[in-house]
Structures are given as structure tokens and as C-alpha cells.
Amino acid sequence: GMDIEEVAEATPELIHRIHVDPSAGLLGF
């Protein structure tokens, strides 16, 4: 509900990222 750019600048640790390999797809873990 907030401007995500502001969140990324002020508290980047609150943005969680995962990369999904297209050949494997989204995995359960």
C-alpha cells in the first residue's frame, strides 16, 4: 500500500527477492 520505491530507498531489507529459473518453474521451497 506504499510507494515501493520509497520502501526500497529507506528500508531495502524489507523487500524480499527470489529468482525463478523458467526451465524449472516456481519450486515449493
PDB file of all heavy atoms in Angstrom:
ATOM      1  N   GLY A   1       0.792  -1.215   0.000  1.00  0.00           N
ATOM      2  CA  GLY A   1       0.000   0.000   0.000  1.00  0.00           C
ATOM      3  C   GLY A   1       0.824   1.264   0.000  1.00  0.00           C
ATOM      4  O   GLY A   1       0.286   2.366   0.052  1.00  0.00           O
ATOM      5  N   MET A   2       2.149   1.118  -0.059  1.00  0.00           N
ATOM      6  CA  MET A   2       3.051   2.272  -0.058  1.00  0.00           C
ATOM      7  C   MET A   2       3.796   2.337  -1.384  1.00  0.00           C
ATOM      8  O   MET A   2       3.768   1.403  -2.176  1.00  0.00           O
ATOM      9  CB  MET A   2       4.053   2.158   1.098  1.00  0.00           C
ATOM     10  CG  MET A   2       3.430   2.133   2.475  1.00  0.00           C
ATOM     11  SD  MET A   2       4.657   1.890   3.771  1.00  0.00           S
ATOM     12  CE  MET A   2       5.696   3.339   3.554  1.00  0.00           C
ATOM     13  N   ASP A   3       4.477   3.449  -1.607  1.00  0.00           N
ATOM     14  CA  ASP A   3       5.328   3.597  -2.779  1.00  0.00           C
ATOM     15  C   ASP A   3       6.536   2.692  -2.590  1.00  0.00           C
ATOM     16  O   ASP A   3       7.368   2.918  -1.704  1.00  0.00           O
ATOM     17  CB  ASP A   3       5.760   5.065  -2.918  1.00  0.00           C
ATOM     18  CG  ASP A   3       6.487   5.336  -4.220  1.00  0.00           C
ATOM     19  OD1 ASP A   3       7.144   4.403  -4.734  1.00  0.00           O
ATOM     20  OD2 ASP A   3       6.412   6.468  -4.724  1.00  0.00           O
ATOM     21  N   ILE A   4       6.633   1.650  -3.402  1.00  0.00           N
ATOM     22  CA  ILE A   4       7.685   0.652  -3.202  1.00  0.00           C
ATOM     23  C   ILE A   4       9.076   1.246  -3.417  1.00  0.00           C
ATOM     24  O   ILE A   4      10.059   0.783  -2.824  1.00  0.00           O
ATOM     25  CB  ILE A   4       7.456  -0.581  -4.125  1.00  0.00           C
ATOM     26  CG1 ILE A   4       8.290  -1.783  -3.638  1.00  0.00           C
ATOM     27  CG2 ILE A   4       7.752  -0.231  -5.570  1.00  0.00           C
ATOM     28  CD1 ILE A   4       7.924  -2.278  -2.264  1.00  0.00           C
ATOM     29  N   GLU A   5       9.187   2.291  -4.242  1.00  0.00           N
ATOM     30  CA  GLU A   5      10.482   2.939  -4.441  1.00  0.00           C
ATOM     31  C   GLU A   5      10.959   3.582  -3.139  1.00  0.00           C
ATOM     32  O   GLU A   5      12.154   3.553  -2.812  1.00  0.00           O
ATOM     33  CB  GLU A   5      10.408   3.997  -5.552  1.00  0.00           C
ATOM     34  CG  GLU A   5      10.335   3.428  -6.961  1.00  0.00           C
ATOM     35  CD  GLU A   5       8.925   2.994  -7.332  1.00  0.00           C
ATOM     36  OE1 GLU A   5       7.977   3.278  -6.558  1.00  0.00           O
ATOM     37  OE2 GLU A   5       8.759   2.355  -8.390  1.00  0.00           O
ATOM     38  N   GLU A   6      10.019   4.159  -2.389  1.00  0.00           N
ATOM     39  CA  GLU A   6      10.376   4.766  -1.108  1.00  0.00           C
ATOM     40  C   GLU A   6      10.803   3.700  -0.111  1.00  0.00           C
ATOM     41  O   GLU A   6      11.743   3.896   0.673  1.00  0.00           O
ATOM     42  CB  GLU A   6       9.191   5.564  -0.567  1.00  0.00           C
ATOM     43  CG  GLU A   6       8.833   6.791  -1.400  1.00  0.00           C
ATOM     44  CD  GLU A   6       7.627   7.528  -0.851  1.00  0.00           C
ATOM     45  OE1 GLU A   6       7.133   7.141   0.237  1.00  0.00           O
ATOM     46  OE2 GLU A   6       7.178   8.496  -1.494  1.00  0.00           O
ATOM     47  N   VAL A   7      10.114   2.557  -0.131  1.00  0.00           N
ATOM     48  CA  VAL A   7      10.485   1.454   0.756  1.00  0.00           C
ATOM     49  C   VAL A   7      11.884   0.954   0.412  1.00  0.00           C
ATOM     50  O   VAL A   7      12.717   0.724   1.303  1.00  0.00           O
ATOM     51  CB  VAL A   7       9.471   0.297   0.650  1.00  0.00           C
ATOM     52  CG1 VAL A   7       9.921  -0.896   1.495  1.00  0.00           C
ATOM     53  CG2 VAL A   7       8.084   0.760   1.084  1.00  0.00           C
ATOM     54  N   ALA A   8      12.162   0.801  -0.876  1.00  0.00           N
ATOM     55  CA  ALA A   8      13.466   0.300  -1.321  1.00  0.00           C
ATOM     56  C   ALA A   8      14.590   1.241  -0.907  1.00  0.00           C
ATOM     57  O   ALA A   8      15.700   0.793  -0.580  1.00  0.00           O
ATOM     58  CB  ALA A   8      13.461   0.118  -2.838  1.00  0.00           C
ATOM     59  N   GLU A   9      14.307   2.532  -0.896  1.00  0.00           N
ATOM     60  CA  GLU A   9      15.336   3.511  -0.541  1.00  0.00           C
ATOM     61  C   GLU A   9      15.540   3.595   0.967  1.00  0.00           C
ATOM     62  O   GLU A   9      16.673   3.640   1.446  1.00  0.00           O
ATOM     63  CB  GLU A   9      14.946   4.888  -1.082  1.00  0.00           C
ATOM     64  CG  GLU A   9      16.001   5.952  -0.848  1.00  0.00           C
ATOM     65  CD  GLU A   9      15.647   7.280  -1.492  1.00  0.00           C
ATOM     66  OE1 GLU A   9      14.716   7.319  -2.326  1.00  0.00           O
ATOM     67  OE2 GLU A   9      16.307   8.283  -1.154  1.00  0.00           O
ATOM     68  N   ALA A  10      14.438   3.596   1.704  1.00  0.00           N
ATOM     69  CA  ALA A  10      14.533   3.806   3.152  1.00  0.00           C
ATOM     70  C   ALA A  10      14.828   2.516   3.922  1.00  0.00           C
ATOM     71  O   ALA A  10      15.625   2.514   4.865  1.00  0.00           O
ATOM     72  CB  ALA A  10      13.243   4.436   3.673  1.00  0.00           C
ATOM     73  N   THR A  11      14.175   1.416   3.530  1.00  0.00           N
ATOM     74  CA  THR A  11      14.332   0.142   4.252  1.00  0.00           C
ATOM     75  C   THR A  11      14.449  -1.009   3.259  1.00  0.00           C
ATOM     76  O   THR A  11      13.542  -1.841   3.145  1.00  0.00           O
ATOM     77  CB  THR A  11      13.134  -0.100   5.196  1.00  0.00           C
ATOM     78  OG1 THR A  11      11.908   0.044   4.443  1.00  0.00           O
ATOM     79  CG2 THR A  11      13.139   0.879   6.350  1.00  0.00           C
ATOM     80  N   PRO A  12      15.545  -1.086   2.520  1.00  0.00           N
ATOM     81  CA  PRO A  12      15.685  -2.122   1.480  1.00  0.00           C
ATOM     82  C   PRO A  12      15.611  -3.538   2.031  1.00  0.00           C
ATOM     83  O   PRO A  12      15.255  -4.468   1.303  1.00  0.00           O
ATOM     84  CB  PRO A  12      17.069  -1.834   0.880  1.00  0.00           C
ATOM     85  CG  PRO A  12      17.794  -1.044   1.924  1.00  0.00           C
ATOM     86  CD  PRO A  12      16.745  -0.236   2.611  1.00  0.00           C
ATOM     87  N   GLU A  13      15.915  -3.719   3.307  1.00  0.00           N
ATOM     88  CA  GLU A  13      15.876  -5.064   3.896  1.00  0.00           C
ATOM     89  C   GLU A  13      14.454  -5.606   3.994  1.00  0.00           C
ATOM     90  O   GLU A  13      14.266  -6.820   4.210  1.00  0.00           O
ATOM     91  CB  GLU A  13      16.522  -5.052   5.284  1.00  0.00           C
ATOM     92  CG  GLU A  13      15.745  -4.317   6.362  1.00  0.00           C
ATOM     93  CD  GLU A  13      15.995  -2.804   6.364  1.00  0.00           C
ATOM     94  OE1 GLU A  13      16.684  -2.313   5.450  1.00  0.00           O
ATOM     95  OE2 GLU A  13      15.486  -2.136   7.283  1.00  0.00           O
ATOM     96  N   LEU A  14      13.459  -4.738   3.807  1.00  0.00           N
ATOM     97  CA  LEU A  14      12.065  -5.180   3.881  1.00  0.00           C
ATOM     98  C   LEU A  14      11.533  -5.681   2.541  1.00  0.00           C
ATOM     99  O   LEU A  14      10.375  -6.082   2.451  1.00  0.00           O
ATOM    100  CB  LEU A  14      11.178  -4.043   4.401  1.00  0.00           C
ATOM    101  CG  LEU A  14      11.458  -3.583   5.835  1.00  0.00           C
ATOM    102  CD1 LEU A  14      10.515  -2.456   6.227  1.00  0.00           C
ATOM    103  CD2 LEU A  14      11.332  -4.757   6.808  1.00  0.00           C
ATOM    104  N   ILE A  15      12.372  -5.639   1.504  1.00  0.00           N
ATOM    105  CA  ILE A  15      11.978  -6.175   0.202  1.00  0.00           C
ATOM    106  C   ILE A  15      12.694  -7.508  -0.006  1.00  0.00           C
ATOM    107  O   ILE A  15      13.926  -7.568  -0.001  1.00  0.00           O
ATOM    108  CB  ILE A  15      12.310  -5.195  -0.935  1.00  0.00           C
ATOM    109  CG1 ILE A  15      11.546  -3.878  -0.737  1.00  0.00           C
ATOM    110  CG2 ILE A  15      11.956  -5.812  -2.291  1.00  0.00           C
ATOM    111  CD1 ILE A  15      11.814  -2.840  -1.791  1.00  0.00           C
ATOM    112  N   HIS A  16      11.923  -8.561  -0.171  1.00  0.00           N
ATOM    113  CA  HIS A  16      12.462  -9.907  -0.313  1.00  0.00           C
ATOM    114  C   HIS A  16      12.384 -10.333  -1.777  1.00  0.00           C
ATOM    115  O   HIS A  16      11.377 -10.102  -2.444  1.00  0.00           O
ATOM    116  CB  HIS A  16      11.676 -10.880   0.566  1.00  0.00           C
ATOM    117  CG  HIS A  16      11.552 -10.411   1.988  1.00  0.00           C
ATOM    118  ND1 HIS A  16      12.575 -10.503   2.900  1.00  0.00           N
ATOM    119  CD2 HIS A  16      10.509  -9.800   2.639  1.00  0.00           C
ATOM    120  CE1 HIS A  16      12.186  -9.999   4.051  1.00  0.00           C
ATOM    121  NE2 HIS A  16      10.935  -9.560   3.927  1.00  0.00           N
ATOM    122  N   ARG A  17      13.447 -10.960  -2.268  1.00  0.00           N
ATOM    123  CA  ARG A  17      13.548 -11.314  -3.687  1.00  0.00           C
ATOM    124  C   ARG A  17      13.891 -12.791  -3.862  1.00  0.00           C
ATOM    125  O   ARG A  17      14.714 -13.333  -3.123  1.00  0.00           O
ATOM    126  CB  ARG A  17      14.629 -10.473  -4.379  1.00  0.00           C
ATOM    127  CG  ARG A  17      14.368  -8.972  -4.374  1.00  0.00           C
ATOM    128  CD  ARG A  17      15.573  -8.228  -4.925  1.00  0.00           C
ATOM    129  NE  ARG A  17      15.322  -6.808  -5.107  1.00  0.00           N
ATOM    130  CZ  ARG A  17      15.443  -5.900  -4.149  1.00  0.00           C
ATOM    131  NH1 ARG A  17      15.819  -6.280  -2.935  1.00  0.00           N
ATOM    132  NH2 ARG A  17      15.211  -4.622  -4.391  1.00  0.00           N
ATOM    133  N   ILE A  18      13.265 -13.406  -4.857  1.00  0.00           N
ATOM    134  CA  ILE A  18      13.671 -14.738  -5.280  1.00  0.00           C
ATOM    135  C   ILE A  18      13.707 -14.759  -6.811  1.00  0.00           C
ATOM    136  O   ILE A  18      12.914 -14.078  -7.461  1.00  0.00           O
ATOM    137  CB  ILE A  18      12.733 -15.851  -4.764  1.00  0.00           C
ATOM    138  CG1 ILE A  18      11.300 -15.651  -5.273  1.00  0.00           C
ATOM    139  CG2 ILE A  18      12.760 -15.936  -3.262  1.00  0.00           C
ATOM    140  CD1 ILE A  18      10.388 -16.827  -4.959  1.00  0.00           C
ATOM    141  N   HIS A  19      14.634 -15.515  -7.374  1.00  0.00           N
ATOM    142  CA  HIS A  19      14.724 -15.686  -8.824  1.00  0.00           C
ATOM    143  C   HIS A  19      14.241 -17.090  -9.188  1.00  0.00           C
ATOM    144  O   HIS A  19      14.657 -18.075  -8.564  1.00  0.00           O
ATOM    145  CB  HIS A  19      16.159 -15.494  -9.304  1.00  0.00           C
ATOM    146  CG  HIS A  19      16.578 -14.053  -9.372  1.00  0.00           C
ATOM    147  ND1 HIS A  19      17.127 -13.389  -8.303  1.00  0.00           N
ATOM    148  CD2 HIS A  19      16.501 -13.151 -10.390  1.00  0.00           C
ATOM    149  CE1 HIS A  19      17.391 -12.142  -8.651  1.00  0.00           C
ATOM    150  NE2 HIS A  19      17.022 -11.969  -9.905  1.00  0.00           N
ATOM    151  N   VAL A  20      13.376 -17.153 -10.180  1.00  0.00           N
ATOM    152  CA  VAL A  20      12.808 -18.427 -10.616  1.00  0.00           C
ATOM    153  C   VAL A  20      13.373 -18.791 -11.982  1.00  0.00           C
ATOM    154  O   VAL A  20      13.231 -18.028 -12.943  1.00  0.00           O
ATOM    155  CB  VAL A  20      11.272 -18.360 -10.686  1.00  0.00           C
ATOM    156  CG1 VAL A  20      10.700 -19.703 -11.136  1.00  0.00           C
ATOM    157  CG2 VAL A  20      10.688 -17.947  -9.342  1.00  0.00           C
ATOM    158  N   ASP A  21      14.009 -19.946 -12.057  1.00  0.00           N
ATOM    159  CA  ASP A  21      14.531 -20.456 -13.321  1.00  0.00           C
ATOM    160  C   ASP A  21      13.346 -20.888 -14.186  1.00  0.00           C
ATOM    161  O   ASP A  21      12.591 -21.788 -13.798  1.00  0.00           O
ATOM    162  CB  ASP A  21      15.447 -21.644 -13.047  1.00  0.00           C
ATOM    163  CG  ASP A  21      16.079 -22.218 -14.307  1.00  0.00           C
ATOM    164  OD1 ASP A  21      15.623 -21.865 -15.421  1.00  0.00           O
ATOM    165  OD2 ASP A  21      17.011 -23.025 -14.182  1.00  0.00           O
ATOM    166  N   PRO A  22      13.159 -20.277 -15.362  1.00  0.00           N
ATOM    167  CA  PRO A  22      11.997 -20.628 -16.195  1.00  0.00           C
ATOM    168  C   PRO A  22      11.956 -22.096 -16.598  1.00  0.00           C
ATOM    169  O   PRO A  22      10.872 -22.652 -16.806  1.00  0.00           O
ATOM    170  CB  PRO A  22      12.164 -19.726 -17.427  1.00  0.00           C
ATOM    171  CG  PRO A  22      13.043 -18.615 -16.979  1.00  0.00           C
ATOM    172  CD  PRO A  22      13.964 -19.204 -15.960  1.00  0.00           C
ATOM    173  N   SER A  23      13.116 -22.728 -16.693  1.00  0.00           N
ATOM    174  CA  SER A  23      13.133 -24.137 -17.091  1.00  0.00           C
ATOM    175  C   SER A  23      12.653 -25.056 -15.965  1.00  0.00           C
ATOM    176  O   SER A  23      12.190 -26.168 -16.214  1.00  0.00           O
ATOM    177  CB  SER A  23      14.540 -24.554 -17.524  1.00  0.00           C
ATOM    178  OG  SER A  23      15.459 -24.452 -16.448  1.00  0.00           O
ATOM    179  N   ALA A  24      12.751 -24.610 -14.725  1.00  0.00           N
ATOM    180  CA  ALA A  24      12.323 -25.420 -13.581  1.00  0.00           C
ATOM    181  C   ALA A  24      10.974 -24.973 -13.048  1.00  0.00           C
ATOM    182  O   ALA A  24      10.218 -25.769 -12.488  1.00  0.00           O
ATOM    183  CB  ALA A  24      13.371 -25.347 -12.469  1.00  0.00           C
ATOM    184  N   GLY A  25      10.659 -23.688 -13.226  1.00  0.00           N
ATOM    185  CA  GLY A  25       9.412 -23.153 -12.692  1.00  0.00           C
ATOM    186  C   GLY A  25       9.530 -22.814 -11.215  1.00  0.00           C
ATOM    187  O   GLY A  25      10.576 -23.017 -10.580  1.00  0.00           O
ATOM    188  N   LEU A  26       8.465 -22.294 -10.655  1.00  0.00           N
ATOM    189  CA  LEU A  26       8.426 -21.936  -9.241  1.00  0.00           C
ATOM    190  C   LEU A  26       8.418 -23.205  -8.391  1.00  0.00           C
ATOM    191  O   LEU A  26       7.526 -24.040  -8.519  1.00  0.00           O
ATOM    192  CB  LEU A  26       7.194 -21.080  -8.951  1.00  0.00           C
ATOM    193  CG  LEU A  26       6.998 -20.622  -7.509  1.00  0.00           C
ATOM    194  CD1 LEU A  26       8.107 -19.666  -7.085  1.00  0.00           C
ATOM    195  CD2 LEU A  26       5.632 -19.957  -7.344  1.00  0.00           C
ATOM    196  N   LEU A  27       9.396 -23.341  -7.517  1.00  0.00           N
ATOM    197  CA  LEU A  27       9.527 -24.544  -6.698  1.00  0.00           C
ATOM    198  C   LEU A  27       8.890 -24.340  -5.323  1.00  0.00           C
ATOM    199  O   LEU A  27       8.798 -23.215  -4.826  1.00  0.00           O
ATOM    200  CB  LEU A  27      11.001 -24.915  -6.545  1.00  0.00           C
ATOM    201  CG  LEU A  27      11.745 -25.164  -7.871  1.00  0.00           C
ATOM    202  CD1 LEU A  27      13.220 -25.437  -7.606  1.00  0.00           C
ATOM    203  CD2 LEU A  27      11.115 -26.324  -8.639  1.00  0.00           C
ATOM    204  N   GLY A  28       8.488 -25.437  -4.724  1.00  0.00           N
ATOM    205  CA  GLY A  28       7.780 -25.381  -3.457  1.00  0.00           C
ATOM    206  C   GLY A  28       8.541 -24.660  -2.368  1.00  0.00           C
ATOM    207  O   GLY A  28       7.974 -23.867  -1.611  1.00  0.00           O
ATOM    208  N   PHE A  29       9.840 -24.929  -2.253  1.00  0.00           N
ATOM    209  CA  PHE A  29      10.614 -24.309  -1.177  1.00  0.00           C
ATOM    210  C   PHE A  29      10.717 -22.802  -1.363  1.00  0.00           C
ATOM    211  O   PHE A  29      10.819 -22.048  -0.373  1.00  0.00           O
ATOM    212  CB  PHE A  29      12.015 -24.941  -1.091  1.00  0.00           C
ATOM    213  CG  PHE A  29      13.006 -24.439  -2.102  1.00  0.00           C
ATOM    214  CD1 PHE A  29      13.803 -23.334  -1.826  1.00  0.00           C
ATOM    215  CD2 PHE A  29      13.142 -25.066  -3.337  1.00  0.00           C
ATOM    216  CE1 PHE A  29      14.731 -22.872  -2.755  1.00  0.00           C
ATOM    217  CE2 PHE A  29      14.058 -24.614  -4.270  1.00  0.00           C
ATOM    218  CZ  PHE A  29      14.860 -23.510  -3.982  1.00  0.00           C
TER     219      PHE A  29
END
